[in-house]
Protein backbone atom coordinates (compact mmCIF):
# COMPACT_ATOMS: atom_id res chain seq x y z
CA GLY A 1 0.02 -0.03 0.07
CA LYS A 2 2.57 2.47 0.67
CA HIS A 3 4.52 1.32 -2.61
CA THR A 4 1.39 2.03 -4.60
CA THR A 5 0.71 5.32 -2.81
CA PHE A 6 4.75 6.54 -3.06
CA GLU A 7 4.19 5.69 -6.71
CA SER A 8 0.61 7.61 -7.37
CA SER A 9 2.51 10.32 -5.45
CA MET A 10 5.34 10.63 -8.01
CA LYS A 11 3.20 10.79 -10.74
CA LEU A 12 0.93 13.46 -9.59
CA SER A 13 4.45 15.54 -8.84
CA LEU A 14 5.61 15.13 -12.54
CA VAL A 15 2.41 16.14 -13.82
CA LEU A 16 2.17 19.21 -11.78
CA LEU A 17 6.06 20.16 -12.96
CA SER A 18 4.88 19.93 -16.10
CA LEU A 19 1.97 22.19 -15.72
CA VAL A 20 3.70 24.40 -14.16
CA ALA A 21 6.61 24.72 -16.63
CA ALA A 22 3.95 24.87 -19.42
CA VAL A 23 2.17 28.04 -17.49
CA SER A 24 5.37 29.48 -16.95
CA ALA A 25 5.91 29.38 -20.44
CA LYS A 26 2.31 30.89 -21.08
CA ASP A 27 3.12 33.52 -18.36
CA LEU A 28 6.14 34.78 -20.41
CA LEU A 29 4.20 35.53 -23.66
CA LEU A 30 1.37 37.26 -21.55
CA ARG A 31 2.87 39.33 -19.36
CA GLY A 32 6.13 39.88 -21.81
CA ASP A 33 8.65 38.96 -19.11
CA ARG A 34 11.85 40.16 -20.50
CA THR A 35 13.49 37.26 -18.41
CA LYS A 36 14.98 34.96 -20.94
CA PRO A 37 13.00 31.47 -20.77
CA THR A 38 14.75 28.51 -19.61
CA SER A 39 15.18 25.54 -21.84
CA ASP A 40 12.24 23.61 -21.12
CA GLN A 41 10.11 27.07 -21.70
CA ARG A 42 11.75 27.26 -25.47
CA ALA A 43 11.01 23.93 -26.07
CA LEU A 44 7.40 24.01 -24.88
CA MET A 45 7.39 27.24 -26.85
CA SER A 46 9.30 25.74 -30.09
CA LYS A 47 6.67 23.06 -29.78
CA GLY A 48 3.40 25.08 -29.80
CA ARG A 49 5.13 27.02 -32.58
CA ASP A 50 5.39 23.32 -34.46
CA LYS A 51 1.76 22.79 -33.76
CA ARG A 52 0.36 26.00 -34.79
CA LYS A 53 2.26 25.84 -38.39
CA LYS A 54 1.12 22.42 -38.64
CA VAL A 55 -2.32 23.93 -38.85
CA GLN A 56 -1.54 26.44 -40.58
CA ASP A 57 -0.37 24.01 -43.06
CA THR A 58 -3.26 22.17 -43.13
CA THR A 59 -5.76 25.39 -43.60
CA SER A 60 -3.50 26.43 -46.50
CA SER A 61 -4.47 23.12 -48.30
CA ASP A 62 -8.23 23.90 -47.68
CA ASP A 63 -9.77 25.04 -51.36
CA ASP A 64 -13.29 25.18 -50.03
CA LYS A 65 -13.03 28.67 -48.82
CA ASP A 66 -13.02 31.89 -50.50
CA ASP A 67 -9.73 33.73 -49.96
CA ALA A 68 -11.06 37.09 -48.96
CA GLU A 69 -12.13 35.03 -45.76
CA TYR A 70 -8.39 34.18 -45.23
CA PHE A 71 -5.53 36.34 -43.51
CA LEU A 72 -1.34 34.99 -43.60
CA ARG A 73 0.36 34.63 -40.43
CA ALA A 74 3.81 34.13 -39.94
CA GLU A 75 5.10 32.13 -36.56
CA ILE A 76 8.54 34.44 -35.52
CA ALA A 77 11.41 32.59 -34.15
CA THR A 78 14.86 34.02 -33.62
CA TYR A 79 16.71 35.22 -37.25
CA PRO A 80 19.12 32.23 -38.29
CA GLY A 81 22.67 33.44 -37.78
CA THR A 82 21.27 37.17 -36.01
CA LYS A 83 24.24 39.83 -35.22
CA VAL A 84 22.49 40.97 -32.60
CA GLU A 85 24.45 40.60 -29.04
CA GLY A 86 22.81 39.13 -25.93
CA ASP A 87 21.60 35.86 -27.37
CA PRO A 88 18.16 37.29 -28.02
CA PHE A 89 15.27 34.77 -28.17
CA VAL A 90 12.10 36.14 -29.94
CA TRP A 91 8.72 34.56 -30.44
CA GLY A 92 5.24 35.20 -31.67
CA GLN A 93 3.21 36.34 -34.66
CA VAL A 94 3.06 38.27 -37.68
CA ASN A 95 -0.47 38.64 -39.31
CA LEU A 96 -1.04 40.25 -43.04
CA ARG A 97 -4.92 41.29 -43.43
CA PHE A 98 -5.77 42.13 -46.82
CA ASN A 99 -7.93 44.87 -48.16
CA ALA A 100 -10.11 44.99 -51.40
CA ASP A 101 -7.62 47.50 -52.52
CA GLY A 102 -4.70 45.26 -52.18
CA SER A 103 -3.08 47.25 -49.05
CA PHE A 104 -2.95 45.67 -46.09
CA LEU A 105 -2.15 45.60 -42.40
CA THR A 106 0.87 44.19 -41.12
CA LYS A 107 -0.38 43.08 -37.27
CA LEU A 108 3.10 42.37 -34.64
CA ASN A 109 2.30 40.16 -31.40
CA VAL A 110 6.16 39.58 -31.07
CA ASN A 111 8.05 39.23 -27.60
CA GLY A 112 11.70 38.89 -27.05
CA LEU A 113 12.82 42.32 -29.27
CA LEU A 114 15.20 44.57 -27.81
CA PRO A 115 13.85 46.99 -25.37
CA GLY A 116 12.44 50.24 -26.28
CA CYS A 117 13.42 49.74 -29.79
CA THR A 118 11.52 52.86 -32.03
CA ASN A 119 10.18 52.79 -35.31
CA CYS A 120 11.75 49.51 -36.18
CA GLY A 121 11.22 47.66 -39.07
CA ALA A 122 9.40 44.69 -39.71
CA HIS A 123 9.24 43.66 -43.54
CA VAL A 124 7.87 40.72 -45.96
CA HIS A 125 11.43 39.78 -47.70
CA VAL A 126 11.45 37.98 -51.32
CA GLY A 127 12.55 34.54 -49.83
CA THR A 128 10.67 31.82 -49.14
CA SER A 129 12.21 30.48 -45.71
CA CYS A 130 14.44 31.54 -42.53
CA ASP A 131 16.78 28.45 -42.72
CA ASP A 132 19.93 30.46 -42.83
CA PHE A 133 20.92 33.96 -42.70
CA ASP A 134 20.92 34.79 -46.33
CA ALA A 135 17.58 32.81 -47.17
CA PRO A 136 14.73 35.73 -46.52
CA GLY A 137 16.92 38.43 -49.24
CA GLY A 138 16.14 41.44 -49.47
CA HIS A 139 12.45 43.54 -49.34
CA TYR A 140 9.52 42.12 -51.21
CA TRP A 141 6.80 44.50 -53.54
CA ASN A 142 5.86 44.81 -57.19
CA LYS A 143 8.93 46.18 -58.89
CA ASP A 144 6.72 46.64 -62.14
CA ALA A 145 4.12 48.62 -60.76
CA LEU A 146 6.24 50.82 -58.41
CA GLY A 147 9.61 50.55 -59.65
CA ASP A 148 12.73 48.43 -59.10
CA GLN A 149 14.98 51.45 -57.61
CA VAL A 150 15.83 51.86 -53.59
CA ALA A 151 13.76 54.84 -53.40
CA ASP A 152 10.75 53.19 -54.97
CA ASP A 153 10.96 50.37 -52.05
CA PRO A 154 7.43 51.08 -50.02
CA TRP A 155 8.90 49.26 -47.02
CA ASN A 156 11.18 52.11 -46.64
CA SER A 157 8.39 54.76 -45.93
CA VAL A 158 5.84 52.43 -43.65
CA GLY A 159 5.93 53.32 -40.09
CA GLY A 160 7.99 51.10 -37.80
CA TYR A 161 7.06 49.14 -34.71
CA ASN A 162 7.42 50.36 -31.04
CA ALA A 163 8.70 48.19 -28.32
CA THR A 164 8.20 48.49 -24.77
CA SER A 165 11.04 48.21 -22.02
CA GLN A 166 10.56 44.32 -22.05
CA GLY A 167 10.88 44.07 -25.57
CA ILE A 168 7.27 43.55 -26.57
CA THR A 169 5.09 45.03 -29.40
CA THR A 170 1.75 44.69 -30.37
CA SER A 171 1.96 47.57 -33.45
CA GLY A 172 -0.07 47.79 -36.15
CA SER A 173 1.13 49.29 -39.77
CA TYR A 174 -0.25 49.96 -43.38
CA ILE A 175 1.08 49.32 -46.67
CA ASP A 176 0.39 48.67 -50.33
CA THR A 177 3.05 46.85 -52.21
CA LYS A 178 0.97 46.15 -54.65
CA LEU A 179 1.16 42.45 -54.04
CA GLY A 180 -1.89 40.51 -52.85
CA LEU A 181 -2.57 37.41 -50.54
CA GLU A 182 -1.46 34.96 -52.98
CA GLU A 183 1.93 36.75 -53.88
CA ASN A 184 2.53 36.85 -50.36
CA ASP A 185 1.67 33.69 -48.83
CA GLY A 186 4.83 31.77 -48.42
CA HIS A 187 7.13 34.43 -48.16
CA ALA A 188 10.02 35.35 -45.32
CA VAL A 189 9.03 38.36 -42.50
CA VAL A 190 11.96 39.68 -40.95
CA ILE A 191 11.96 41.84 -38.15
CA HIS A 192 14.71 44.24 -37.27
CA THR A 193 16.34 46.26 -34.56
CA ASP A 194 16.59 50.14 -34.74
CA GLY A 195 20.02 49.94 -36.40
CA GLY A 196 18.61 47.39 -39.02
CA ASP A 197 19.88 43.76 -37.76
CA ARG A 198 17.54 40.95 -38.32
CA ILE A 199 16.23 39.71 -35.10
CA GLY A 200 13.34 37.75 -35.75
CA CYS A 201 12.02 35.50 -38.93
CA GLY A 202 9.37 33.49 -40.10
CA VAL A 203 7.04 32.05 -43.47
CA LEU A 204 3.86 33.34 -44.07
CA GLY A 205 0.90 30.88 -44.60
CA LYS A 206 -2.86 31.19 -45.22
CA VAL A 207 -4.97 31.02 -41.81
CA ALA A 208 -8.84 31.57 -41.53
CA PRO A 209 -10.52 33.77 -39.18
CA ASP A 210 -12.93 33.41 -36.29
CA LEU A 211 -15.32 35.40 -33.77
CA GLU A 212 -17.39 37.84 -35.19
CA LEU A 213 -19.74 40.76 -34.16
CA GLU A 214 -22.88 41.61 -36.61
CA SER A 215 -24.73 44.68 -36.69
CA ASP A 216 -28.17 44.10 -39.08
CA ASN A 217 -30.16 46.96 -37.38
CA ILE A 218 -28.29 50.00 -39.00
CA ASP A 219 -30.86 52.91 -39.28
CA ARG A 220 -30.92 56.97 -39.63
CA TYR A 221 -28.66 58.16 -37.08
CA PRO A 222 -30.70 59.54 -33.99
CA GLY A 223 -31.38 63.06 -34.67
CA TYR A 224 -30.88 62.71 -38.25
CA ALA A 225 -33.15 65.23 -40.75
CA GLY A 226 -32.17 64.40 -44.19
CA PRO A 227 -33.74 62.81 -46.93
CA LEU A 228 -31.64 59.46 -46.43
CA THR A 229 -32.79 56.11 -45.21
CA PRO A 230 -29.46 53.94 -44.58
CA SER A 231 -30.26 50.27 -44.07
CA GLY A 232 -28.08 47.34 -44.25
CA SER A 233 -25.40 45.18 -42.12
CA VAL A 234 -22.05 44.99 -40.51
CA LYS A 235 -20.02 42.22 -39.70
CA VAL A 236 -16.98 42.59 -37.42
CA VAL A 237 -14.45 39.37 -37.43
CA PHE A 238 -11.66 39.01 -34.94
CA ALA A 239 -8.32 36.88 -35.05
CA ASN A 240 -6.65 35.80 -32.04
CA ASP A 241 -4.60 38.98 -32.73
CA GLU A 242 -7.18 40.92 -32.05
CA SER A 243 -6.91 42.73 -35.46
CA MET A 244 -10.97 42.81 -37.07
CA LYS A 245 -11.85 42.51 -40.72
CA PHE A 246 -14.86 44.86 -40.97
CA SER A 247 -17.43 44.06 -43.95
CA TYR A 248 -20.76 46.24 -44.74
CA LYS A 249 -23.16 45.79 -47.21
CA MET A 250 -25.40 48.78 -47.21
CA ALA A 251 -28.00 50.65 -49.01
CA GLY A 252 -30.07 53.97 -48.72
CA LEU A 253 -26.29 56.16 -48.31
CA PRO A 254 -25.50 59.30 -50.00
CA VAL A 255 -24.84 58.73 -53.86
CA ASP A 256 -21.41 58.57 -55.66
CA CYS A 257 -20.31 58.98 -51.91
CA TYR A 258 -15.69 58.55 -52.32
CA LYS A 259 -14.08 57.20 -49.21
CA CYS A 260 -16.55 58.17 -46.73
CA GLY A 261 -16.56 57.13 -42.75
CA VAL A 262 -17.64 53.86 -41.19
CA HIS A 263 -16.45 53.65 -37.87
CA ILE A 264 -16.93 51.87 -34.38
CA HIS A 265 -17.77 54.44 -31.90
CA THR A 266 -17.12 54.58 -28.04
CA GLY A 267 -21.10 54.87 -27.37
CA VAL A 268 -23.00 51.35 -26.80
CA THR A 269 -26.64 52.80 -27.83
CA CYS A 270 -27.61 54.38 -31.16
CA ASP A 271 -30.85 56.07 -28.79
CA ALA A 272 -29.25 59.58 -27.99
CA ALA A 273 -26.92 61.58 -30.44
CA ASP A 274 -24.69 62.46 -26.94
CA GLN A 275 -24.14 59.28 -26.19
CA VAL A 276 -22.58 57.48 -29.44
CA LEU A 277 -19.45 59.51 -28.97
CA GLY A 278 -16.26 59.41 -30.98
CA HIS A 279 -14.03 56.79 -32.52
CA TYR A 280 -13.37 53.80 -30.51
CA TRP A 281 -9.72 52.77 -29.79
CA ASP A 282 -6.92 51.83 -27.10
CA THR A 283 -4.57 54.36 -26.71
CA SER A 284 -2.14 52.52 -24.77
CA GLU A 285 -2.34 49.79 -27.94
CA GLN A 286 -2.31 52.80 -31.05
CA ALA A 287 -0.73 56.30 -30.65
CA ASP A 288 -2.92 57.45 -33.59
CA ASP A 289 -6.71 57.50 -34.58
CA PRO A 290 -6.71 54.09 -37.11
CA TRP A 291 -10.13 55.10 -37.80
CA THR A 292 -9.19 57.12 -40.96
CA SER A 293 -9.28 56.66 -44.73
CA ALA A 294 -5.06 56.60 -44.50
CA SER A 295 -5.62 53.33 -42.96
CA GLY A 296 -8.34 52.17 -45.90
CA VAL A 297 -11.05 52.68 -43.26
CA TYR A 298 -14.13 53.73 -45.57
CA TYR A 299 -17.10 52.81 -48.07
CA SER A 300 -17.54 54.21 -51.11
CA THR A 301 -21.13 53.97 -52.96
CA ASP A 302 -22.56 53.77 -56.30
CA GLU A 303 -24.78 55.65 -58.18
CA ASP A 304 -27.80 54.40 -56.06
CA GLY A 305 -26.41 55.00 -52.95
CA ASP A 306 -24.86 51.45 -52.50
CA ALA A 307 -21.95 50.03 -50.78
CA GLU A 308 -20.45 46.74 -50.08
CA GLY A 309 -16.80 45.78 -49.09
CA PHE A 310 -14.24 45.36 -46.43
CA PHE A 311 -11.20 46.27 -44.70
CA HIS A 312 -8.87 45.37 -42.09
CA LEU A 313 -7.86 48.00 -38.67
CA PHE A 314 -6.13 46.92 -35.56
CA SER A 315 -8.15 48.97 -33.19
CA GLY A 316 -6.07 47.39 -29.91
CA PHE A 317 -9.64 46.40 -28.89
CA ASN A 318 -10.62 42.94 -28.72
CA TYR A 319 -14.02 40.81 -29.78
CA ASN A 320 -15.15 41.08 -25.94
CA GLU A 321 -14.49 44.74 -25.84
CA ASN A 322 -16.21 45.49 -29.00
CA ILE A 323 -19.71 44.11 -28.27
CA GLY A 324 -22.37 46.44 -28.22
CA HIS A 325 -20.61 49.18 -29.42
CA ALA A 326 -22.02 51.33 -32.39
CA VAL A 327 -20.98 51.86 -35.87
CA VAL A 328 -21.50 55.10 -37.67
CA PHE A 329 -21.80 55.85 -40.95
CA HIS A 330 -20.64 59.13 -42.50
CA ALA A 331 -21.75 61.40 -45.32
CA GLN A 332 -18.93 62.89 -47.45
CA ASP A 333 -18.73 65.86 -45.22
CA GLY A 334 -18.29 64.05 -42.03
CA SER A 335 -21.56 64.41 -40.95
CA ARG A 336 -23.25 61.17 -39.37
CA ILE A 337 -26.11 59.62 -41.00
CA GLY A 338 -26.45 55.79 -40.32
CA CYS A 339 -25.74 54.37 -36.87
CA GLY A 340 -26.34 50.60 -35.47
CA THR A 341 -24.70 48.35 -32.51
CA LEU A 342 -22.79 45.82 -32.57
CA GLU A 343 -24.20 42.34 -31.35
């Protein structure tokens, strides 16, 4: 009886130790602890990265879904043969989400970077692997459409990421390289330091989105007394990096409205104009308002006042934090004409 009890206790202890190691590895990701992971934690994170890559590869072979429903993801690891001092251990994800006009959001969730790195680069590269230092090659863009000189490289003018004092970034940026989802699929993403050294790398693959909110109650904005009668629906799909795909199908909007505003607002009602409030984004995650046409956030109508389309955005707020919030459609002059709430 004592022997059996001892064996049971030992088995329980081993299970508990495994759970502690797994939780510790997860805590490093969630808290962004700058302390370097132990060898056990590194192994657990590498195992998790390989498992996610297998799921990603399986998703890439699914031909039954519309490409518009996919985005691209790269599982980031330390750059092979990095010249960055201090034995960096980099891990996380980079997601690319494509707008209807071909531009895309580059959304980072990466840990283990240089603390305080400011306006540092994260780019898609020509290469299709991270097997060795030279494999990723240089920046990837459509040279036929934009030109093949260094001055033509759109990655040189896009805003970089900022890392916290713990070496974490959750930054998002926007770019149009004139290359779409299919062209970028399978290419390497390289993360740089502020000095340009390569510190992280991963290869892009297709992934399908998940959680979604809808508003099928779009109606006239409270107090709006004009002739328009907006109607239709909005769908907002969230992925695990908290970025969103915002889709809309509307009628009754201003005719030939070009790059007109549609935004999620801070208010959680459309009953009173003074309660809808302004644009909704987390200033601790995004310094500048992402709800702008410069970020690809807009709708355009035809001669009948109909509009259908989508864009990708990172507001800093996740699925749960957007529940119940107001969606507002604006006219060309910025006035508010339509409103509905997300459910």
